[in-house]
C-alpha atoms as a PDB file:
ATOM      1  CA  MET A   1       0.000   0.000   0.000  1.00  0.00           C
ATOM      2  CA  TYR A   2       1.300   3.462  -0.857  1.00  0.00           C
ATOM      3  CA  ASP A   3       2.377   5.254   2.313  1.00  0.00           C
ATOM      4  CA  VAL A   4       0.876   8.719   1.911  1.00  0.00           C
ATOM      5  CA  PRO A   5      -1.560  10.476   4.225  1.00  0.00           C
ATOM      6  CA  PHE A   6      -5.085  11.229   3.039  1.00  0.00           C
ATOM      7  CA  LEU A   7      -5.474  14.608   1.380  1.00  0.00           C
ATOM      8  CA  PRO A   8      -8.814  16.425   1.601  1.00  0.00           C
ATOM      9  CA  ARG A   9     -11.242  16.009  -1.290  1.00  0.00           C
ATOM     10  CA  ASN A  10     -10.970  18.815  -3.872  1.00  0.00           C
ATOM     11  CA  TYR A  11      -7.402  19.491  -2.753  1.00  0.00           C
ATOM     12  CA  PHE A  12      -6.051  22.280  -4.954  1.00  0.00           C
ATOM     13  CA  VAL A  13      -2.842  24.310  -5.187  1.00  0.00           C
ATOM     14  CA  PRO A  14      -4.682  27.444  -3.904  1.00  0.00           C
ATOM     15  CA  TYR A  15      -4.997  25.751  -0.500  1.00  0.00           C
ATOM     16  CA  VAL A  16      -1.207  25.917  -0.232  1.00  0.00           C
ATOM     17  CA  TRP A  17      -0.190  29.084  -2.082  1.00  0.00           C
ATOM     18  CA  LYS A  18      -3.290  31.249  -1.671  1.00  0.00           C
ATOM     19  CA  SER A  19      -3.553  31.433  -5.452  1.00  0.00           C
ATOM     20  CA  LYS A  20      -6.742  31.495  -7.494  1.00  0.00           C
ATOM     21  CA  ARG A  21      -5.264  28.974  -9.915  1.00  0.00           C
ATOM     22  CA  GLN A  22      -6.880  25.553  -9.605  1.00  0.00           C
ATOM     23  CA  ALA A  23      -4.719  22.533 -10.354  1.00  0.00           C
ATOM     24  CA  TYR A  24      -4.546  18.775 -10.275  1.00  0.00           C
ATOM     25  CA  MET A  25      -1.771  17.253  -8.185  1.00  0.00           C
ATOM     26  CA  PHE A  26       0.261  14.068  -8.201  1.00  0.00           C
ATOM     27  CA  ILE A  27       2.311  12.544  -5.391  1.00  0.00           C
ATOM     28  CA  ILE A  28       5.663  10.800  -5.525  1.00  0.00           C
ATOM     29  CA  SER A  29       6.956   9.712  -2.121  1.00  0.00           C
ATOM     30  CA  ALA A  30       7.401  12.845   0.006  1.00  0.00           C
ATOM     31  CA  ALA A  31       6.495  15.333  -2.731  1.00  0.00           C
ATOM     32  CA  VAL A  32       3.124  16.664  -3.886  1.00  0.00           C
ATOM     33  CA  ILE A  33       3.536  18.145  -7.358  1.00  0.00           C
ATOM     34  CA  GLU A  34       1.354  20.462  -9.411  1.00  0.00           C
ATOM     35  CA  ASP A  35       0.267  18.711 -12.597  1.00  0.00           C
ATOM     36  CA  ALA A  36       1.416  21.627 -14.772  1.00  0.00           C
ATOM     37  CA  VAL A  37       4.990  20.602 -13.963  1.00  0.00           C
ATOM     38  CA  ALA A  38       4.464  17.427 -16.009  1.00  0.00           C
ATOM     39  CA  THR A  39       3.411  19.169 -19.229  1.00  0.00           C
ATOM     40  CA  THR A  40       5.257  22.504 -19.246  1.00  0.00           C
ATOM     41  CA  GLN A  41       8.065  23.130 -21.718  1.00  0.00           C
ATOM     42  CA  PHE A  42      10.800  25.427 -20.462  1.00  0.00           C
ATOM     43  CA  CYS A  43      14.494  26.246 -20.898  1.00  0.00           C
ATOM     44  CA  CYS A  44      16.161  29.335 -19.422  1.00  0.00           C
ATOM     45  CA  ASP A  45      17.106  32.025 -21.934  1.00  0.00           C
ATOM     46  CA  LEU A  46      19.563  34.308 -20.154  1.00  0.00           C
ATOM     47  CA  GLU A  47      19.948  36.573 -23.161  1.00  0.00           C
ATOM     48  CA  MET A  48      16.256  37.409 -22.861  1.00  0.00           C
ATOM     49  CA  CYS A  49      15.719  37.528 -19.090  1.00  0.00           C
ATOM     50  CA  LYS A  50      19.169  38.863 -18.094  1.00  0.00           C
ATOM     51  CA  GLY A  51      19.137  36.684 -14.973  1.00  0.00           C
ATOM     52  CA  ALA A  52      15.938  38.245 -13.651  1.00  0.00           C
ATOM     53  CA  CYS A  53      15.301  35.460 -11.126  1.00  0.00           C
ATOM     54  CA  CYS A  54      18.373  36.685  -9.197  1.00  0.00           C
ATOM     55  CA  THR A  55      17.027  40.234  -8.974  1.00  0.00           C
ATOM     56  CA  LEU A  56      13.286  39.894  -8.371  1.00  0.00           C
ATOM     57  CA  GLU A  57      11.724  42.508  -6.128  1.00  0.00           C
ATOM     58  CA  GLY A  58      10.466  41.237  -2.811  1.00  0.00           C
ATOM     59  CA  GLY A  59      12.909  42.015  -0.032  1.00  0.00           C
ATOM     60  CA  ARG A  60      14.306  38.508   0.401  1.00  0.00           C
ATOM     61  CA  GLY A  61      16.765  36.558  -1.663  1.00  0.00           C
ATOM     62  CA  ALA A  62      16.947  32.829  -2.314  1.00  0.00           C
ATOM     63  CA  PRO A  63      15.191  30.609   0.243  1.00  0.00           C
ATOM     64  CA  LEU A  64      17.772  28.398   1.954  1.00  0.00           C
ATOM     65  CA  GLU A  65      17.842  24.997   3.568  1.00  0.00           C
ATOM     66  CA  ASP A  66      19.331  25.290   7.047  1.00  0.00           C
ATOM     67  CA  ASP A  67      22.484  23.371   6.091  1.00  0.00           C
ATOM     68  CA  GLU A  68      23.070  25.701   3.142  1.00  0.00           C
ATOM     69  CA  VAL A  69      23.929  28.540   5.525  1.00  0.00           C
ATOM     70  CA  MET A  70      27.127  26.682   6.399  1.00  0.00           C
ATOM     71  CA  GLU A  71      27.853  26.084   2.702  1.00  0.00           C
ATOM     72  CA  ILE A  72      27.587  29.816   2.056  1.00  0.00           C
ATOM     73  CA  GLN A  73      29.827  30.595   4.992  1.00  0.00           C
ATOM     74  CA  LYS A  74      32.501  28.239   3.614  1.00  0.00           C
ATOM     75  CA  ALA A  75      32.164  29.555   0.050  1.00  0.00           C
ATOM     76  CA  TYR A  76      32.114  33.274   0.778  1.00  0.00           C
ATOM     77  CA  PRO A  77      35.912  33.796   1.043  1.00  0.00           C
ATOM     78  CA  ILE A  78      36.218  32.248  -2.421  1.00  0.00           C
ATOM     79  CA  VAL A  79      33.312  33.969  -4.208  1.00  0.00           C
ATOM     80  CA  LYS A  80      34.033  37.350  -2.616  1.00  0.00           C
ATOM     81  CA  ARG A  81      36.444  38.168  -5.451  1.00  0.00           C
ATOM     82  CA  TYR A  82      33.536  38.141  -7.926  1.00  0.00           C
ATOM     83  CA  LEU A  83      31.345  40.596  -6.008  1.00  0.00           C
ATOM     84  CA  ASP A  84      31.028  44.371  -6.256  1.00  0.00           C
ATOM     85  CA  GLU A  85      32.050  46.553  -3.325  1.00  0.00           C
ATOM     86  CA  GLN A  86      28.422  47.303  -2.477  1.00  0.00           C
ATOM     87  CA  ASN A  87      27.661  43.596  -2.182  1.00  0.00           C
ATOM     88  CA  ILE A  88      30.709  42.985   0.015  1.00  0.00           C
ATOM     89  CA  ARG A  89      29.878  45.955   2.219  1.00  0.00           C
ATOM     90  CA  THR A  90      26.291  44.720   2.663  1.00  0.00           C
ATOM     91  CA  ILE A  91      27.435  41.201   3.563  1.00  0.00           C
ATOM     92  CA  GLU A  92      30.078  42.371   6.017  1.00  0.00           C
ATOM     93  CA  THR A  93      27.832  44.887   7.772  1.00  0.00           C
ATOM     94  CA  ALA A  94      24.438  43.150   7.691  1.00  0.00           C
ATOM     95  CA  GLY A  95      25.355  39.491   7.134  1.00  0.00           C
ATOM     96  CA  PHE A  96      24.811  37.239   4.138  1.00  0.00           C
ATOM     97  CA  VAL A  97      21.490  35.742   5.267  1.00  0.00           C
ATOM     98  CA  ASP A  98      18.398  36.846   7.110  1.00  0.00           C
ATOM     99  CA  GLY A  99      15.649  34.876   8.812  1.00  0.00           C
ATOM    100  CA  ALA A 100      15.750  32.056  11.340  1.00  0.00           C
ATOM    101  CA  PRO A 101      16.156  28.256  11.227  1.00  0.00           C
ATOM    102  CA  GLY A 102      13.573  26.850   8.848  1.00  0.00           C
ATOM    103  CA  ASP A 103      13.165  30.236   7.154  1.00  0.00           C
ATOM    104  CA  PHE A 104      16.599  31.432   6.042  1.00  0.00           C
ATOM    105  CA  ALA A 105      17.153  33.382   2.811  1.00  0.00           C
ATOM    106  CA  THR A 106      20.066  35.192   1.228  1.00  0.00           C
ATOM    107  CA  ARG A 107      20.187  38.909   1.882  1.00  0.00           C
ATOM    108  CA  CYS A 108      19.175  41.409  -0.811  1.00  0.00           C
ATOM    109  CA  ILE A 109      20.351  44.820  -1.930  1.00  0.00           C
ATOM    110  CA  ASP A 110      17.607  47.458  -2.271  1.00  0.00           C
ATOM    111  CA  ASN A 111      14.942  44.758  -1.763  1.00  0.00           C
ATOM    112  CA  ARG A 112      15.856  43.163  -5.076  1.00  0.00           C
ATOM    113  CA  GLU A 113      19.250  41.789  -6.006  1.00  0.00           C
ATOM    114  CA  CYS A 114      20.762  38.857  -4.112  1.00  0.00           C
ATOM    115  CA  VAL A 115      24.057  39.904  -2.499  1.00  0.00           C
ATOM    116  CA  PHE A 116      25.844  37.042  -4.260  1.00  0.00           C
ATOM    117  CA  VAL A 117      25.007  38.267  -7.762  1.00  0.00           C
ATOM    118  CA  TYR A 118      27.662  39.593 -10.102  1.00  0.00           C
ATOM    119  CA  ARG A 119      27.077  40.986 -13.587  1.00  0.00           C
ATOM    120  CA  GLU A 120      28.615  39.875 -16.846  1.00  0.00           C
ATOM    121  CA  ASN A 121      27.668  41.539 -20.131  1.00  0.00           C
ATOM    122  CA  GLY A 122      24.527  42.920 -18.520  1.00  0.00           C
ATOM    123  CA  ILE A 123      23.387  39.539 -17.169  1.00  0.00           C
ATOM    124  CA  ALA A 124      22.958  38.881 -13.438  1.00  0.00           C
ATOM    125  CA  ARG A 125      24.816  35.699 -12.572  1.00  0.00           C
ATOM    126  CA  CYS A 126      25.467  33.623  -9.457  1.00  0.00           C
ATOM    127  CA  SER A 127      28.935  33.878  -7.906  1.00  0.00           C
ATOM    128  CA  PHE A 128      28.540  30.435  -6.299  1.00  0.00           C
ATOM    129  CA  GLU A 129      27.822  28.821  -9.643  1.00  0.00           C
ATOM    130  CA  ARG A 130      30.808  30.565 -11.203  1.00  0.00           C
ATOM    131  CA  ALA A 131      33.102  29.194  -8.503  1.00  0.00           C
ATOM    132  CA  TYR A 132      31.538  25.738  -8.748  1.00  0.00           C
ATOM    133  CA  LEU A 133      31.923  25.526 -12.519  1.00  0.00           C
ATOM    134  CA  GLY A 134      35.487  26.718 -12.133  1.00  0.00           C
ATOM    135  CA  GLY A 135      36.268  23.885  -9.719  1.00  0.00           C
ATOM    136  CA  GLU A 136      36.792  26.223  -6.755  1.00  0.00           C
ATOM    137  CA  ILE A 137      33.961  24.882  -4.568  1.00  0.00           C
ATOM    138  CA  ASP A 138      31.908  21.674  -4.529  1.00  0.00           C
ATOM    139  CA  TRP A 139      28.513  23.263  -3.748  1.00  0.00           C
ATOM    140  CA  ARG A 140      26.765  24.702  -6.788  1.00  0.00           C
ATOM    141  CA  LYS A 141      24.247  27.195  -5.401  1.00  0.00           C
ATOM    142  CA  PRO A 142      21.112  27.271  -3.216  1.00  0.00           C
ATOM    143  CA  LEU A 143      18.758  24.468  -4.143  1.00  0.00           C
ATOM    144  CA  SER A 144      15.847  26.895  -4.470  1.00  0.00           C
ATOM    145  CA  CYS A 145      17.767  28.740  -7.217  1.00  0.00           C
ATOM    146  CA  HIS A 146      18.734  25.508  -8.946  1.00  0.00           C
ATOM    147  CA  LEU A 147      15.075  24.382  -8.996  1.00  0.00           C
ATOM    148  CA  PHE A 148      13.582  27.637 -10.304  1.00  0.00           C
ATOM    149  CA  PRO A 149      10.994  28.069 -11.859  1.00  0.00           C
ATOM    150  CA  LEU A 150       9.769  25.413  -9.450  1.00  0.00           C
ATOM    151  CA  ARG A 151       8.944  26.630  -5.975  1.00  0.00           C
ATOM    152  CA  VAL A 152       8.968  24.295  -2.987  1.00  0.00           C
ATOM    153  CA  ARG A 153       6.935  24.845   0.153  1.00  0.00           C
ATOM    154  CA  HIS A 154       6.948  22.636   3.228  1.00  0.00           C
ATOM    155  CA  PHE A 155       3.668  21.723   4.926  1.00  0.00           C
ATOM    156  CA  GLY A 156       4.495  18.374   6.498  1.00  0.00           C
ATOM    157  CA  ARG A 157       5.721  17.299   3.056  1.00  0.00           C
ATOM    158  CA  ASP A 158       7.082  19.118   0.014  1.00  0.00           C
ATOM    159  CA  PHE A 159       4.678  20.890  -2.348  1.00  0.00           C
ATOM    160  CA  LEU A 160       6.170  21.697  -5.762  1.00  0.00           C
ATOM    161  CA  ARG A 161       4.571  24.385  -7.887  1.00  0.00           C
ATOM    162  CA  TYR A 162       5.537  25.791 -11.276  1.00  0.00           C
ATOM    163  CA  GLU A 163       5.819  29.563 -10.959  1.00  0.00           C
ATOM    164  CA  THR A 164       4.930  31.613 -14.029  1.00  0.00           C
ATOM    165  CA  ILE A 165       6.440  35.105 -14.120  1.00  0.00           C
ATOM    166  CA  ASP A 166       6.662  37.607 -16.966  1.00  0.00           C
ATOM    167  CA  GLU A 167      10.455  37.672 -16.744  1.00  0.00           C
ATOM    168  CA  CYS A 168      10.574  33.997 -17.786  1.00  0.00           C
ATOM    169  CA  ALA A 169       8.625  34.482 -21.032  1.00  0.00           C
ATOM    170  CA  GLY A 170      11.812  33.878 -23.004  1.00  0.00           C
ATOM    171  CA  GLY A 171      12.366  30.561 -21.230  1.00  0.00           C
ATOM    172  CA  ARG A 172       8.849  29.406 -22.058  1.00  0.00           C
ATOM    173  CA  THR A 173       9.308  30.376 -25.705  1.00  0.00           C
ATOM    174  CA  ARG A 174      12.679  28.641 -25.926  1.00  0.00           C
ATOM    175  CA  GLY A 175      11.293  25.527 -24.262  1.00  0.00           C
ATOM    176  CA  ARG A 176       8.437  25.295 -26.766  1.00  0.00           C
ATOM    177  CA  GLU A 177      10.643  26.006 -29.770  1.00  0.00           C
ATOM    178  CA  GLN A 178      13.257  23.434 -28.751  1.00  0.00           C
ATOM    179  CA  GLU A 179      10.682  21.020 -27.255  1.00  0.00           C
ATOM    180  CA  ILE A 180      12.465  20.845 -23.911  1.00  0.00           C
ATOM    181  CA  ALA A 181      10.289  19.596 -21.063  1.00  0.00           C
ATOM    182  CA  LEU A 182      10.562  21.391 -17.728  1.00  0.00           C
ATOM    183  CA  SER A 183      11.006  17.964 -16.135  1.00  0.00           C
ATOM    184  CA  ASP A 184      14.091  17.362 -18.316  1.00  0.00           C
ATOM    185  CA  PHE A 185      15.474  20.862 -17.874  1.00  0.00           C
ATOM    186  CA  LEU A 186      15.373  20.438 -14.075  1.00  0.00           C
ATOM    187  CA  ARG A 187      16.727  16.897 -13.940  1.00  0.00           C
ATOM    188  CA  GLU A 188      19.950  17.813 -12.119  1.00  0.00           C
ATOM    189  CA  PRO A 189      18.402  19.841  -9.269  1.00  0.00           C
ATOM    190  CA  LEU A 190      15.538  17.355  -8.836  1.00  0.00           C
ATOM    191  CA  GLU A 191      17.988  14.467  -8.557  1.00  0.00           C
ATOM    192  CA  ARG A 192      20.057  16.592  -6.198  1.00  0.00           C
ATOM    193  CA  LYS A 193      17.052  17.028  -3.919  1.00  0.00           C
ATOM    194  CA  TYR A 194      15.196  13.712  -4.207  1.00  0.00           C
ATOM    195  CA  GLY A 195      17.615  11.222  -5.762  1.00  0.00           C
ATOM    196  CA  GLY A 196      17.742   9.283  -9.012  1.00  0.00           C
ATOM    197  CA  ALA A 197      15.064   6.682  -8.213  1.00  0.00           C
ATOM    198  CA  TRP A 198      12.552   9.401  -7.327  1.00  0.00           C
ATOM    199  CA  TYR A 199      13.379  11.306 -10.502  1.00  0.00           C
ATOM    200  CA  GLU A 200      12.819   8.245 -12.717  1.00  0.00           C
ATOM    201  CA  LYS A 201       9.293   7.810 -11.294  1.00  0.00           C
ATOM    202  CA  PHE A 202       8.648  11.501 -11.746  1.00  0.00           C
ATOM    203  CA  ARG A 203       9.994  11.512 -15.311  1.00  0.00           C
ATOM    204  CA  ALA A 204       7.918   8.470 -16.298  1.00  0.00           C
ATOM    205  CA  TYR A 205       4.724  10.162 -15.137  1.00  0.00           C
ATOM    206  CA  CYS A 206       5.660  13.419 -16.879  1.00  0.00           C
ATOM    207  CA  ALA A 207       6.377  11.635 -20.159  1.00  0.00           C
ATOM    208  CA  GLN A 208       3.010   9.847 -20.131  1.00  0.00           C
ATOM    209  CA  LYS A 209       1.178  12.963 -19.064  1.00  0.00           C
ATOM    210  CA  ALA A 210       2.781  15.101 -21.764  1.00  0.00           C
ATOM    211  CA  ALA A 211       1.955  12.502 -24.406  1.00  0.00           C
ATOM    212  CA  GLN A 212      -1.698  12.299 -23.457  1.00  0.00           C
ATOM    213  CA  GLN A 213      -2.302  15.921 -22.397  1.00  0.00           C
ATOM    214  CA  THR A 214      -5.199  14.788 -20.224  1.00  0.00           C
ATOM    215  CA  HIS A 215      -5.478  13.613 -16.622  1.00  0.00           C
ATOM    216  CA  PRO A 216      -4.531   9.914 -16.855  1.00  0.00           C
ATOM    217  CA  ILE A 217      -4.024   7.465 -14.060  1.00  0.00           C
ATOM    218  CA  PRO A 218      -0.718   5.772 -14.984  1.00  0.00           C
ATOM    219  CA  GLU A 219      -0.133   2.076 -14.458  1.00  0.00           C
ATOM    220  CA  GLU A 220       0.571   1.214 -10.818  1.00  0.00           C
ATOM    221  CA  THR A 221      -1.183   4.329  -9.571  1.00  0.00           C
ATOM    222  CA  GLU A 222      -4.386   4.964  -7.698  1.00  0.00           C
ATOM    223  CA  MET A 223      -6.537   7.988  -7.038  1.00  0.00           C
ATOM    224  CA  ASN A 224      -6.229   9.337  -3.513  1.00  0.00           C
ATOM    225  CA  ASN A 225      -9.100  11.754  -4.151  1.00  0.00           C
ATOM    226  CA  LYS A 226     -10.731  13.541  -7.053  1.00  0.00           C
ATOM    227  CA  ASN A 227      -7.653  15.604  -7.973  1.00  0.00           C
ATOM    228  CA  THR A 228      -4.601  13.718  -6.709  1.00  0.00           C
ATOM    229  CA  VAL A 229      -2.738  10.872  -8.403  1.00  0.00           C
ATOM    230  CA  LEU A 230      -0.514   8.664  -6.259  1.00  0.00           C
ATOM    231  CA  ILE A 231       2.528   7.153  -7.961  1.00  0.00           C
ATOM    232  CA  ARG A 232       3.499   3.763  -6.520  1.00  0.00           C
END
């Protein structure tokens, strides 16, 4: 028997995110996933968005897992060389994170730009990722950044929602034109968070869902309630 708790009948994404958008859900192990994730095509287009996800207005930077605070602390002396003076001054006077355990985020400048952003040819880029790709550190960047445009919220289990913002219009266009599924584009961060076995179950459901473009019940699944598919 699949070990998931009962979800209320008519369980929609709005219950979690206070959104008016109504959505079907599917469950794989500890994650409840919005059905749109299975059928969306997406691939980041930095030339179009200019790294907008690193500079979104809102007052807080990237949400962090508690153990990522230590990763940032270890990486900072290395990535510091890539940052502007204003970023360094903000970090060294106000700290590189705000919040409390269970609710940490990177600090922002002027309620927008993450303090770990640097700019290259007009594009906002992540200093952690630059150091990682250069072999200087072994931690790539906050998982929440790696997973974007998926957002994860924790309510006893993980709830994954595809976030649609105007700044990502180029990524949606590129995904459609190149026929790149969001589930494929995010393979690395999803495996990083949930592991390879979880991802293979997730990918199998996404592939069937995208092919049918309906609301199927895949083989070895059952309906938990009217709007939730459980993947065995």
